[in-house]
Amino acid sequence: MKIPKALNTFCPKCKTHTQHQVSIYKAGKRRALAWGELRHAAENMGYGGSKKPIQRRLAKVTKKTSLKLKCSKCGYTLQRRGIRLKKAEVA
């Protein structure tokens, strides 16, 4: 699905409808020293492999794509709820 580069929507900071720059949300790099990451690494360490089963049969075909909207007036960034798409493209 092609998503427009800019769209007019409500900005909660300006409290009016303004133009917003659209981009697709991408998750950041995971922190290697976060508690959950350290615990997961400790569980998988040594013999015996992974403690949790690897999910092989996936029910869903697509992933939810979230949009990042940046207000052109004040620069406030908000996220739009994710929608299921095979392919999202900002055009």
PDB file of N, CA and C in Angstrom:
ATOM      1  N   MET A   1       0.842  -1.177   0.000  1.00  0.00           N
ATOM      2  CA  MET A   1       0.000   0.000   0.000  1.00  0.00           C
ATOM      3  C   MET A   1       0.885   1.237   0.000  1.00  0.00           C
ATOM      4  N   LYS A   2       0.561   2.192  -0.834  1.00  0.00           N
ATOM      5  CA  LYS A   2       1.317   3.440  -0.886  1.00  0.00           C
ATOM      6  C   LYS A   2       0.694   4.456   0.063  1.00  0.00           C
ATOM      7  N   ILE A   3       1.546   5.015   0.918  1.00  0.00           N
ATOM      8  CA  ILE A   3       1.108   5.998   1.910  1.00  0.00           C
ATOM      9  C   ILE A   3       1.677   7.350   1.489  1.00  0.00           C
ATOM     10  N   PRO A   4       0.869   8.428   1.520  1.00  0.00           N
ATOM     11  CA  PRO A   4       1.393   9.742   1.121  1.00  0.00           C
ATOM     12  C   PRO A   4       2.495  10.233   2.057  1.00  0.00           C
ATOM     13  N   LYS A   5       3.458  11.022   1.499  1.00  0.00           N
ATOM     14  CA  LYS A   5       4.592  11.543   2.277  1.00  0.00           C
ATOM     15  C   LYS A   5       4.137  12.501   3.370  1.00  0.00           C
ATOM     16  N   ALA A   6       3.078  13.264   3.086  1.00  0.00           N
ATOM     17  CA  ALA A   6       2.545  14.224   4.055  1.00  0.00           C
ATOM     18  C   ALA A   6       1.030  14.097   4.100  1.00  0.00           C
ATOM     19  N   LEU A   7       0.473  14.216   5.302  1.00  0.00           N
ATOM     20  CA  LEU A   7      -0.975  14.225   5.406  1.00  0.00           C
ATOM     21  C   LEU A   7      -1.419  15.193   6.492  1.00  0.00           C
ATOM     22  N   ASN A   8      -2.640  15.682   6.347  1.00  0.00           N
ATOM     23  CA  ASN A   8      -3.199  16.673   7.256  1.00  0.00           C
ATOM     24  C   ASN A   8      -3.950  15.945   8.367  1.00  0.00           C
ATOM     25  N   THR A   9      -3.474  16.092   9.605  1.00  0.00           N
ATOM     26  CA  THR A   9      -4.120  15.432  10.732  1.00  0.00           C
ATOM     27  C   THR A   9      -3.962  16.269  12.003  1.00  0.00           C
ATOM     28  N   PHE A  10      -4.672  15.862  13.059  1.00  0.00           N
ATOM     29  CA  PHE A  10      -4.693  16.628  14.308  1.00  0.00           C
ATOM     30  C   PHE A  10      -3.380  16.482  15.070  1.00  0.00           C
ATOM     31  N   CYS A  11      -2.834  17.629  15.520  1.00  0.00           N
ATOM     32  CA  CYS A  11      -1.632  17.645  16.356  1.00  0.00           C
ATOM     33  C   CYS A  11      -2.073  17.967  17.785  1.00  0.00           C
ATOM     34  N   PRO A  12      -1.844  17.059  18.751  1.00  0.00           N
ATOM     35  CA  PRO A  12      -2.275  17.326  20.128  1.00  0.00           C
ATOM     36  C   PRO A  12      -1.508  18.459  20.812  1.00  0.00           C
ATOM     37  N   LYS A  13      -0.322  18.786  20.325  1.00  0.00           N
ATOM     38  CA  LYS A  13       0.463  19.870  20.920  1.00  0.00           C
ATOM     39  C   LYS A  13      -0.029  21.228  20.411  1.00  0.00           C
ATOM     40  N   CYS A  14      -0.257  21.344  19.102  1.00  0.00           N
ATOM     41  CA  CYS A  14      -0.778  22.597  18.517  1.00  0.00           C
ATOM     42  C   CYS A  14      -2.284  22.743  18.747  1.00  0.00           C
ATOM     43  N   LYS A  15      -2.950  21.631  19.012  1.00  0.00           N
ATOM     44  CA  LYS A  15      -4.411  21.552  19.179  1.00  0.00           C
ATOM     45  C   LYS A  15      -5.174  21.997  17.926  1.00  0.00           C
ATOM     46  N   THR A  16      -4.562  21.788  16.745  1.00  0.00           N
ATOM     47  CA  THR A  16      -5.217  22.075  15.465  1.00  0.00           C
ATOM     48  C   THR A  16      -4.788  21.023  14.448  1.00  0.00           C
ATOM     49  N   HIS A  17      -5.434  21.032  13.308  1.00  0.00           N
ATOM     50  CA  HIS A  17      -5.039  20.155  12.211  1.00  0.00           C
ATOM     51  C   HIS A  17      -3.887  20.817  11.455  1.00  0.00           C
ATOM     52  N   THR A  18      -2.787  20.090  11.311  1.00  0.00           N
ATOM     53  CA  THR A  18      -1.616  20.598  10.593  1.00  0.00           C
ATOM     54  C   THR A  18      -1.062  19.519   9.671  1.00  0.00           C
ATOM     55  N   GLN A  19      -0.159  19.917   8.774  1.00  0.00           N
ATOM     56  CA  GLN A  19       0.511  18.963   7.887  1.00  0.00           C
ATOM     57  C   GLN A  19       1.500  18.140   8.711  1.00  0.00           C
ATOM     58  N   HIS A  20       1.555  16.847   8.460  1.00  0.00           N
ATOM     59  CA  HIS A  20       2.476  15.943   9.147  1.00  0.00           C
ATOM     60  C   HIS A  20       3.302  15.167   8.129  1.00  0.00           C
ATOM     61  N   GLN A  21       4.609  15.053   8.399  1.00  0.00           N
ATOM     62  CA  GLN A  21       5.493  14.233   7.572  1.00  0.00           C
ATOM     63  C   GLN A  21       5.313  12.783   8.015  1.00  0.00           C
ATOM     64  N   VAL A  22       5.163  11.868   7.061  1.00  0.00           N
ATOM     65  CA  VAL A  22       4.890  10.467   7.360  1.00  0.00           C
ATOM     66  C   VAL A  22       6.138   9.621   7.138  1.00  0.00           C
ATOM     67  N   SER A  23       6.436   8.741   8.110  1.00  0.00           N
ATOM     68  CA  SER A  23       7.495   7.747   7.942  1.00  0.00           C
ATOM     69  C   SER A  23       7.045   6.463   8.620  1.00  0.00           C
ATOM     70  N   ILE A  24       7.644   5.343   8.240  1.00  0.00           N
ATOM     71  CA  ILE A  24       7.281   4.055   8.810  1.00  0.00           C
ATOM     72  C   ILE A  24       8.136   3.810  10.046  1.00  0.00           C
ATOM     73  N   TYR A  25       7.491   3.434  11.151  1.00  0.00           N
ATOM     74  CA  TYR A  25       8.193   3.192  12.418  1.00  0.00           C
ATOM     75  C   TYR A  25       9.067   1.961  12.301  1.00  0.00           C
ATOM     76  N   LYS A  26      10.307   2.097  12.772  1.00  0.00           N
ATOM     77  CA  LYS A  26      11.240   0.968  12.795  1.00  0.00           C
ATOM     78  C   LYS A  26      11.779   0.859  14.218  1.00  0.00           C
ATOM     79  N   ALA A  27      11.744  -0.348  14.783  1.00  0.00           N
ATOM     80  CA  ALA A  27      12.212  -0.557  16.153  1.00  0.00           C
ATOM     81  C   ALA A  27      13.707  -0.320  16.239  1.00  0.00           C
ATOM     82  N   GLY A  28      14.144   0.277  17.354  1.00  0.00           N
ATOM     83  CA  GLY A  28      15.561   0.572  17.554  1.00  0.00           C
ATOM     84  C   GLY A  28      16.363  -0.671  17.913  1.00  0.00           C
ATOM     85  N   LYS A  29      17.673  -0.485  18.031  1.00  0.00           N
ATOM     86  CA  LYS A  29      18.567  -1.584  18.374  1.00  0.00           C
ATOM     87  C   LYS A  29      18.341  -1.979  19.830  1.00  0.00           C
ATOM     88  N   ARG A  30      18.285  -3.300  20.094  1.00  0.00           N
ATOM     89  CA  ARG A  30      18.062  -3.783  21.459  1.00  0.00           C
ATOM     90  C   ARG A  30      19.324  -3.597  22.291  1.00  0.00           C
ATOM     91  N   ARG A  31      19.150  -3.265  23.590  1.00  0.00           N
ATOM     92  CA  ARG A  31      20.284  -3.061  24.483  1.00  0.00           C
ATOM     93  C   ARG A  31      20.778  -4.415  24.988  1.00  0.00           C
ATOM     94  N   ALA A  32      22.037  -4.716  24.739  1.00  0.00           N
ATOM     95  CA  ALA A  32      22.609  -6.006  25.110  1.00  0.00           C
ATOM     96  C   ALA A  32      22.718  -6.182  26.622  1.00  0.00           C
ATOM     97  N   LEU A  33      22.818  -5.073  27.382  1.00  0.00           N
ATOM     98  CA  LEU A  33      22.958  -5.152  28.834  1.00  0.00           C
ATOM     99  C   LEU A  33      21.641  -4.948  29.590  1.00  0.00           C
ATOM    100  N   ALA A  34      20.518  -4.938  28.882  1.00  0.00           N
ATOM    101  CA  ALA A  34      19.214  -4.841  29.538  1.00  0.00           C
ATOM    102  C   ALA A  34      18.972  -6.132  30.318  1.00  0.00           C
ATOM    103  N   TRP A  35      18.231  -6.043  31.427  1.00  0.00           N
ATOM    104  CA  TRP A  35      18.045  -7.190  32.305  1.00  0.00           C
ATOM    105  C   TRP A  35      17.449  -8.393  31.583  1.00  0.00           C
ATOM    106  N   GLY A  36      16.437  -8.158  30.769  1.00  0.00           N
ATOM    107  CA  GLY A  36      15.795  -9.247  30.033  1.00  0.00           C
ATOM    108  C   GLY A  36      16.737  -9.920  29.052  1.00  0.00           C
ATOM    109  N   GLU A  37      17.579  -9.125  28.389  1.00  0.00           N
ATOM    110  CA  GLU A  37      18.546  -9.666  27.427  1.00  0.00           C
ATOM    111  C   GLU A  37      19.594 -10.515  28.144  1.00  0.00           C
ATOM    112  N   LEU A  38      20.065 -10.047  29.315  1.00  0.00           N
ATOM    113  CA  LEU A  38      21.052 -10.789  30.087  1.00  0.00           C
ATOM    114  C   LEU A  38      20.470 -12.113  30.590  1.00  0.00           C
ATOM    115  N   ARG A  39      19.232 -12.065  31.044  1.00  0.00           N
ATOM    116  CA  ARG A  39      18.567 -13.270  31.545  1.00  0.00           C
ATOM    117  C   ARG A  39      18.371 -14.279  30.420  1.00  0.00           C
ATOM    118  N   HIS A  40      17.950 -13.788  29.263  1.00  0.00           N
ATOM    119  CA  HIS A  40      17.730 -14.656  28.097  1.00  0.00           C
ATOM    120  C   HIS A  40      19.039 -15.316  27.667  1.00  0.00           C
ATOM    121  N   ALA A  41      20.127 -14.546  27.681  1.00  0.00           N
ATOM    122  CA  ALA A  41      21.439 -15.068  27.308  1.00  0.00           C
ATOM    123  C   ALA A  41      21.906 -16.130  28.305  1.00  0.00           C
ATOM    124  N   ALA A  42      21.627 -15.889  29.610  1.00  0.00           N
ATOM    125  CA  ALA A  42      22.012 -16.835  30.652  1.00  0.00           C
ATOM    126  C   ALA A  42      21.240 -18.149  30.524  1.00  0.00           C
ATOM    127  N   GLU A  43      19.961 -18.061  30.148  1.00  0.00           N
ATOM    128  CA  GLU A  43      19.123 -19.263  29.976  1.00  0.00           C
ATOM    129  C   GLU A  43      19.614 -20.105  28.800  1.00  0.00           C
ATOM    130  N   ASN A  44      20.048 -19.441  27.744  1.00  0.00           N
ATOM    131  CA  ASN A  44      20.482 -20.146  26.532  1.00  0.00           C
ATOM    132  C   ASN A  44      21.934 -20.607  26.598  1.00  0.00           C
ATOM    133  N   MET A  45      22.675 -20.192  27.642  1.00  0.00           N
ATOM    134  CA  MET A  45      24.088 -20.501  27.747  1.00  0.00           C
ATOM    135  C   MET A  45      24.299 -21.983  28.083  1.00  0.00           C
ATOM    136  N   GLY A  46      25.376 -22.559  27.596  1.00  0.00           N
ATOM    137  CA  GLY A  46      25.748 -23.936  27.926  1.00  0.00           C
ATOM    138  C   GLY A  46      24.980 -24.959  27.110  1.00  0.00           C
ATOM    139  N   TYR A  47      24.951 -26.191  27.578  1.00  0.00           N
ATOM    140  CA  TYR A  47      24.270 -27.264  26.857  1.00  0.00           C
ATOM    141  C   TYR A  47      22.783 -27.206  27.110  1.00  0.00           C
ATOM    142  N   GLY A  48      22.011 -27.763  26.211  1.00  0.00           N
ATOM    143  CA  GLY A  48      20.562 -27.840  26.406  1.00  0.00           C
ATOM    144  C   GLY A  48      19.767 -26.922  25.510  1.00  0.00           C
ATOM    145  N   GLY A  49      20.403 -25.947  24.904  1.00  0.00           N
ATOM    146  CA  GLY A  49      19.723 -25.087  23.941  1.00  0.00           C
ATOM    147  C   GLY A  49      18.739 -24.128  24.577  1.00  0.00           C
ATOM    148  N   SER A  50      17.742 -23.718  23.793  1.00  0.00           N
ATOM    149  CA  SER A  50      16.774 -22.711  24.199  1.00  0.00           C
ATOM    150  C   SER A  50      15.762 -23.268  25.193  1.00  0.00           C
ATOM    151  N   LYS A  51      15.339 -22.447  26.160  1.00  0.00           N
ATOM    152  CA  LYS A  51      14.384 -22.877  27.178  1.00  0.00           C
ATOM    153  C   LYS A  51      12.940 -22.781  26.682  1.00  0.00           C
ATOM    154  N   LYS A  52      12.721 -21.983  25.665  1.00  0.00           N
ATOM    155  CA  LYS A  52      11.365 -21.811  25.144  1.00  0.00           C
ATOM    156  C   LYS A  52      11.278 -22.415  23.756  1.00  0.00           C
ATOM    157  N   PRO A  53      10.135 -23.004  23.398  1.00  0.00           N
ATOM    158  CA  PRO A  53      10.024 -23.622  22.078  1.00  0.00           C
ATOM    159  C   PRO A  53      10.031 -22.581  20.961  1.00  0.00           C
ATOM    160  N   ILE A  54      10.616 -22.942  19.823  1.00  0.00           N
ATOM    161  CA  ILE A  54      10.651 -22.062  18.658  1.00  0.00           C
ATOM    162  C   ILE A  54       9.322 -22.227  17.934  1.00  0.00           C
ATOM    163  N   GLN A  55       8.615 -21.131  17.737  1.00  0.00           N
ATOM    164  CA  GLN A  55       7.313 -21.188  17.086  1.00  0.00           C
ATOM    165  C   GLN A  55       7.500 -21.389  15.586  1.00  0.00           C
ATOM    166  N   ARG A  56       7.029 -22.514  15.086  1.00  0.00           N
ATOM    167  CA  ARG A  56       7.225 -22.846  13.681  1.00  0.00           C
ATOM    168  C   ARG A  56       5.985 -22.546  12.840  1.00  0.00           C
ATOM    169  N   ARG A  57       4.793 -22.828  13.409  1.00  0.00           N
ATOM    170  CA  ARG A  57       3.551 -22.593  12.667  1.00  0.00           C
ATOM    171  C   ARG A  57       3.019 -21.216  13.016  1.00  0.00           C
ATOM    172  N   LEU A  58       3.143 -20.273  12.103  1.00  0.00           N
ATOM    173  CA  LEU A  58       2.670 -18.908  12.360  1.00  0.00           C
ATOM    174  C   LEU A  58       1.261 -18.734  11.822  1.00  0.00           C
ATOM    175  N   ALA A  59       0.393 -18.171  12.637  1.00  0.00           N
ATOM    176  CA  ALA A  59      -1.006 -17.993  12.253  1.00  0.00           C
ATOM    177  C   ALA A  59      -1.176 -16.799  11.319  1.00  0.00           C
ATOM    178  N   LYS A  60      -0.389 -15.750  11.543  1.00  0.00           N
ATOM    179  CA  LYS A  60      -0.536 -14.517  10.769  1.00  0.00           C
ATOM    180  C   LYS A  60       0.450 -14.489   9.603  1.00  0.00           C
ATOM    181  N   VAL A  61       0.005 -13.895   8.508  1.00  0.00           N
ATOM    182  CA  VAL A  61       0.827 -13.786   7.309  1.00  0.00           C
ATOM    183  C   VAL A  61       1.550 -12.442   7.283  1.00  0.00           C
ATOM    184  N   THR A  62       0.919 -11.420   7.892  1.00  0.00           N
ATOM    185  CA  THR A  62       1.474 -10.069   7.839  1.00  0.00           C
ATOM    186  C   THR A  62       1.806  -9.556   9.228  1.00  0.00           C
ATOM    187  N   LYS A  63       2.620  -8.511   9.282  1.00  0.00           N
ATOM    188  CA  LYS A  63       2.949  -7.843  10.537  1.00  0.00           C
ATOM    189  C   LYS A  63       2.259  -6.475  10.527  1.00  0.00           C
ATOM    190  N   LYS A  64       2.018  -5.940  11.722  1.00  0.00           N
ATOM    191  CA  LYS A  64       1.387  -4.626  11.807  1.00  0.00           C
ATOM    192  C   LYS A  64       2.439  -3.544  11.582  1.00  0.00           C
ATOM    193  N   THR A  65       2.110  -2.584  10.717  1.00  0.00           N
ATOM    194  CA  THR A  65       3.010  -1.480  10.409  1.00  0.00           C
ATOM    195  C   THR A  65       2.489  -0.213  11.062  1.00  0.00           C
ATOM    196  N   SER A  66       3.328   0.403  11.917  1.00  0.00           N
ATOM    197  CA  SER A  66       2.956   1.654  12.571  1.00  0.00           C
ATOM    198  C   SER A  66       3.523   2.826  11.790  1.00  0.00           C
ATOM    199  N   LEU A  67       2.806   3.960  11.810  1.00  0.00           N
ATOM    200  CA  LEU A  67       3.261   5.160  11.120  1.00  0.00           C
ATOM    201  C   LEU A  67       3.746   6.180  12.133  1.00  0.00           C
ATOM    202  N   LYS A  68       4.822   6.888  11.790  1.00  0.00           N
ATOM    203  CA  LYS A  68       5.343   7.967  12.619  1.00  0.00           C
ATOM    204  C   LYS A  68       4.973   9.269  11.923  1.00  0.00           C
ATOM    205  N   LEU A  69       4.245  10.126  12.613  1.00  0.00           N
ATOM    206  CA  LEU A  69       3.801  11.392  12.035  1.00  0.00           C
ATOM    207  C   LEU A  69       4.494  12.547  12.761  1.00  0.00           C
ATOM    208  N   LYS A  70       5.186  13.407  12.000  1.00  0.00           N
ATOM    209  CA  LYS A  70       5.898  14.547  12.582  1.00  0.00           C
ATOM    210  C   LYS A  70       5.230  15.834  12.117  1.00  0.00           C
ATOM    211  N   CYS A  71       4.800  16.642  13.095  1.00  0.00           N
ATOM    212  CA  CYS A  71       4.122  17.906  12.805  1.00  0.00           C
ATOM    213  C   CYS A  71       5.107  18.880  12.154  1.00  0.00           C
ATOM    214  N   SER A  72       4.678  19.510  11.074  1.00  0.00           N
ATOM    215  CA  SER A  72       5.546  20.449  10.347  1.00  0.00           C
ATOM    216  C   SER A  72       5.632  21.797  11.066  1.00  0.00           C
ATOM    217  N   LYS A  73       4.650  22.081  11.936  1.00  0.00           N
ATOM    218  CA  LYS A  73       4.630  23.369  12.642  1.00  0.00           C
ATOM    219  C   LYS A  73       5.497  23.345  13.908  1.00  0.00           C
ATOM    220  N   CYS A  74       5.265  22.358  14.784  1.00  0.00           N
ATOM    221  CA  CYS A  74       5.987  22.335  16.064  1.00  0.00           C
ATOM    222  C   CYS A  74       7.028  21.220  16.168  1.00  0.00           C
ATOM    223  N   GLY A  75       7.003  20.260  15.258  1.00  0.00           N
ATOM    224  CA  GLY A  75       7.981  19.171  15.273  1.00  0.00           C
ATOM    225  C   GLY A  75       7.621  18.018  16.193  1.00  0.00           C
ATOM    226  N   TYR A  76       6.398  18.040  16.761  1.00  0.00           N
ATOM    227  CA  TYR A  76       5.938  16.977  17.665  1.00  0.00           C
ATOM    228  C   TYR A  76       5.716  15.691  16.873  1.00  0.00           C
ATOM    229  N   THR A  77       6.205  14.564  17.390  1.00  0.00           N
ATOM    230  CA  THR A  77       6.051  13.281  16.708  1.00  0.00           C
ATOM    231  C   THR A  77       5.030  12.422  17.436  1.00  0.00           C
ATOM    232  N   LEU A  78       4.080  11.878  16.674  1.00  0.00           N
ATOM    233  CA  LEU A  78       3.106  10.956  17.241  1.00  0.00           C
ATOM    234  C   LEU A  78       3.040   9.706  16.376  1.00  0.00           C
ATOM    235  N   GLN A  79       2.552   8.633  16.964  1.00  0.00           N
ATOM    236  CA  GLN A  79       2.445   7.377  16.228  1.00  0.00           C
ATOM    237  C   GLN A  79       0.998   7.067  15.934  1.00  0.00           C
ATOM    238  N   ARG A  80       0.777   6.534  14.741  1.00  0.00           N
ATOM    239  CA  ARG A  80      -0.549   6.106  14.322  1.00  0.00           C
ATOM    240  C   ARG A  80      -0.629   4.596  14.543  1.00  0.00           C
ATOM    241  N   ARG A  81      -1.770   4.125  14.990  1.00  0.00           N
ATOM    242  CA  ARG A  81      -1.985   2.706  15.278  1.00  0.00           C
ATOM    243  C   ARG A  81      -1.595   1.822  14.088  1.00  0.00           C
ATOM    244  N   GLY A  82      -0.977   0.688  14.373  1.00  0.00           N
ATOM    245  CA  GLY A  82      -0.508  -0.219  13.326  1.00  0.00           C
ATOM    246  C   GLY A  82      -1.625  -0.858  12.534  1.00  0.00           C
ATOM    247  N   ILE A  83      -1.415  -1.012  11.232  1.00  0.00           N
ATOM    248  CA  ILE A  83      -2.384  -1.680  10.364  1.00  0.00           C
ATOM    249  C   ILE A  83      -1.687  -2.832   9.650  1.00  0.00           C
ATOM    250  N   ARG A  84      -2.433  -3.898   9.410  1.00  0.00           N
ATOM    251  CA  ARG A  84      -1.849  -5.077   8.773  1.00  0.00           C
ATOM    252  C   ARG A  84      -1.717  -4.856   7.262  1.00  0.00           C
ATOM    253  N   LEU A  85      -0.481  -4.935   6.799  1.00  0.00           N
ATOM    254  CA  LEU A  85      -0.183  -4.764   5.371  1.00  0.00           C
ATOM    255  C   LEU A  85       0.903  -5.739   4.968  1.00  0.00           C
ATOM    256  N   LYS A  86       0.849  -6.216   3.730  1.00  0.00           N
ATOM    257  CA  LYS A  86       1.945  -7.048   3.205  1.00  0.00           C
ATOM    258  C   LYS A  86       3.161  -6.162   3.001  1.00  0.00           C
ATOM    259  N   LYS A  87       2.919  -4.979   2.396  1.00  0.00           N
ATOM    260  CA  LYS A  87       4.023  -4.061   2.124  1.00  0.00           C
ATOM    261  C   LYS A  87       3.527  -2.620   2.241  1.00  0.00           C
ATOM    262  N   ALA A  88       4.216  -1.818   3.034  1.00  0.00           N
ATOM    263  CA  ALA A  88       3.890  -0.406   3.197  1.00  0.00           C
ATOM    264  C   ALA A  88       4.999   0.418   2.570  1.00  0.00           C
ATOM    265  N   GLU A  89       4.619   1.426   1.780  1.00  0.00           N
ATOM    266  CA  GLU A  89       5.597   2.242   1.064  1.00  0.00           C
ATOM    267  C   GLU A  89       5.172   3.707   1.136  1.00  0.00           C
ATOM    268  N   VAL A  90       6.083   4.575   1.600  1.00  0.00           N
ATOM    269  CA  VAL A  90       5.797   6.014   1.647  1.00  0.00           C
ATOM    270  C   VAL A  90       6.159   6.588   0.287  1.00  0.00           C
ATOM    271  N   ALA A  91       5.130   7.089  -0.411  1.00  0.00           N
ATOM    272  CA  ALA A  91       5.365   7.623  -1.765  1.00  0.00           C
ATOM    273  C   ALA A  91       4.711   8.980  -1.948  1.00  0.00           C
TER     274      ALA A  91
END
